[in-house]
Amino acid sequence: VQLQASGGGLVQAGESLSLSCVVRGINFAINTIGWYRQAPGGQREFVANISSVGSTTYADSVKGRFTISRNNARRTVYLQMSGLKPEDTAVYYCHRPYYGTNYWGKGTLVTVSS
């Protein structure tokens, strides 16, 4: 399984940014894929996920600001982030849960300046 995240960068508070995660090596369409993040000095925390049928779940801290979506033809999950805050600064990781095993991609750094 390969999960390749991209799209991170430096933005100012209030701006938007979109992350992408390309997934290879599995039947993408039937898998739940999600995003986690880890702030400097912090623990990795759940951000959002999307099921095979498009059901979404969000952390309370990002509800109303972040939107997760998927394109099965492109084997890609997106995280559209708007209204970014300095506390959203973190390395964002793509995640695939599979029967108690967690698959992670290399993260992409998002930095939000105040």
Protein backbone atom coordinates (compact mmCIF):
# COMPACT_ATOMS: atom_id res chain seq x y z
CA VAL A 1 0.00 0.00 0.00
CA GLN A 2 1.29 3.43 -0.93
CA LEU A 3 -0.26 6.69 0.22
CA GLN A 4 1.27 9.84 -1.25
CA ALA A 5 0.18 13.12 0.28
CA SER A 6 0.89 16.48 -1.27
CA GLY A 7 -0.26 20.08 -1.28
CA GLY A 8 1.12 21.42 1.96
CA GLY A 9 2.64 24.85 2.24
CA LEU A 10 2.78 28.15 4.06
CA VAL A 11 -0.38 30.25 4.21
CA GLN A 12 -1.71 33.10 6.29
CA ALA A 13 -4.53 32.75 8.76
CA GLY A 14 -7.90 32.81 7.05
CA GLU A 15 -6.60 31.46 3.77
CA SER A 16 -7.34 28.13 2.11
CA LEU A 17 -5.28 25.16 1.07
CA SER A 18 -6.06 21.82 -0.56
CA LEU A 19 -4.29 18.56 0.15
CA SER A 20 -4.29 15.46 -2.02
CA CYS A 21 -3.58 11.83 -1.24
CA VAL A 22 -2.99 9.37 -4.05
CA VAL A 23 -3.42 5.75 -2.98
CA ARG A 24 -1.90 2.80 -4.80
CA GLY A 25 -1.72 -0.92 -4.17
CA ILE A 26 -5.27 -1.53 -2.97
CA ASN A 27 -8.79 -1.57 -4.34
CA PHE A 28 -9.18 2.12 -3.65
CA ALA A 29 -12.90 2.37 -4.28
CA ILE A 30 -13.86 0.05 -1.41
CA ASN A 31 -11.61 1.59 1.23
CA THR A 32 -12.11 4.24 3.85
CA ILE A 33 -9.31 6.80 3.66
CA GLY A 34 -8.63 9.56 6.11
CA TRP A 35 -6.42 12.39 7.23
CA TYR A 36 -4.60 12.81 10.51
CA ARG A 37 -2.28 15.56 11.63
CA GLN A 38 0.52 16.04 14.09
CA ALA A 39 1.45 19.46 15.38
CA PRO A 40 4.97 20.21 16.56
CA GLY A 41 5.43 18.56 19.92
CA GLY A 42 1.94 17.09 19.78
CA GLN A 43 0.33 13.74 19.22
CA ARG A 44 -1.12 12.57 15.96
CA GLU A 45 -4.83 13.37 15.85
CA PHE A 46 -7.75 12.51 13.64
CA VAL A 47 -8.89 15.14 11.15
CA ALA A 48 -11.41 13.53 8.80
CA ASN A 49 -12.20 10.41 6.84
CA ILE A 50 -14.39 9.32 3.98
CA SER A 51 -15.89 5.88 3.45
CA SER A 52 -16.25 3.93 0.25
CA VAL A 53 -19.78 5.25 -0.16
CA GLY A 54 -18.82 8.83 0.58
CA SER A 55 -19.84 9.10 4.20
CA THR A 56 -17.66 11.62 5.99
CA THR A 57 -16.54 12.16 9.57
CA TYR A 58 -14.76 15.21 10.93
CA ALA A 59 -12.99 16.20 14.08
CA ASP A 60 -14.89 18.91 15.94
CA SER A 61 -11.95 21.25 15.53
CA VAL A 62 -12.28 21.30 11.73
CA LYS A 63 -16.03 20.93 11.20
CA GLY A 64 -17.38 23.62 8.94
CA ARG A 65 -13.91 24.58 7.73
CA PHE A 66 -12.50 21.41 6.16
CA THR A 67 -14.08 19.24 3.49
CA ILE A 68 -12.93 15.75 2.57
CA SER A 69 -13.79 14.22 -0.79
CA ARG A 70 -12.66 11.43 -3.07
CA ASN A 71 -12.25 10.69 -6.75
CA ASN A 72 -12.17 6.94 -7.26
CA ALA A 73 -11.09 7.21 -10.90
CA ARG A 74 -8.02 9.13 -9.79
CA ARG A 75 -7.50 7.03 -6.66
CA THR A 76 -7.27 10.28 -4.75
CA VAL A 77 -8.69 11.71 -1.54
CA TYR A 78 -8.75 15.47 -1.09
CA LEU A 79 -8.84 17.68 1.98
CA GLN A 80 -10.03 21.18 1.23
CA MET A 81 -9.11 23.43 4.14
CA SER A 82 -10.53 26.91 4.52
CA GLY A 83 -10.48 29.48 7.28
CA LEU A 84 -7.11 28.16 8.35
CA LYS A 85 -5.88 29.02 11.82
CA PRO A 86 -2.38 28.97 13.29
CA GLU A 87 -3.44 25.97 15.37
CA ASP A 88 -3.97 24.02 12.14
CA THR A 89 -0.20 24.06 11.67
CA ALA A 90 0.90 20.43 11.50
CA VAL A 91 2.18 17.65 9.35
CA TYR A 92 -0.85 16.10 7.67
CA TYR A 93 -0.85 12.37 7.03
CA CYS A 94 -2.97 10.25 4.77
CA HIS A 95 -4.34 7.16 6.55
CA ARG A 96 -5.87 3.84 5.62
CA PRO A 97 -7.27 1.67 8.39
CA TYR A 98 -7.46 -2.02 7.64
CA TYR A 99 -8.65 -4.56 10.20
CA GLY A 100 -6.67 -3.07 13.06
CA THR A 101 -3.63 -2.19 10.97
CA ASN A 102 -2.87 1.43 10.15
CA TYR A 103 -1.23 2.42 6.89
CA TRP A 104 0.34 5.84 6.74
CA GLY A 105 1.84 7.91 4.00
CA LYS A 106 4.63 10.41 4.38
CA GLY A 107 3.13 13.62 5.62
CA THR A 108 2.86 17.02 4.07
CA LEU A 109 3.56 20.10 6.16
CA VAL A 110 0.96 22.83 6.53
CA THR A 111 2.08 26.03 8.21
CA VAL A 112 -0.40 28.77 9.03
CA SER A 113 1.03 32.10 10.03
CA SER A 114 -0.89 34.61 12.12
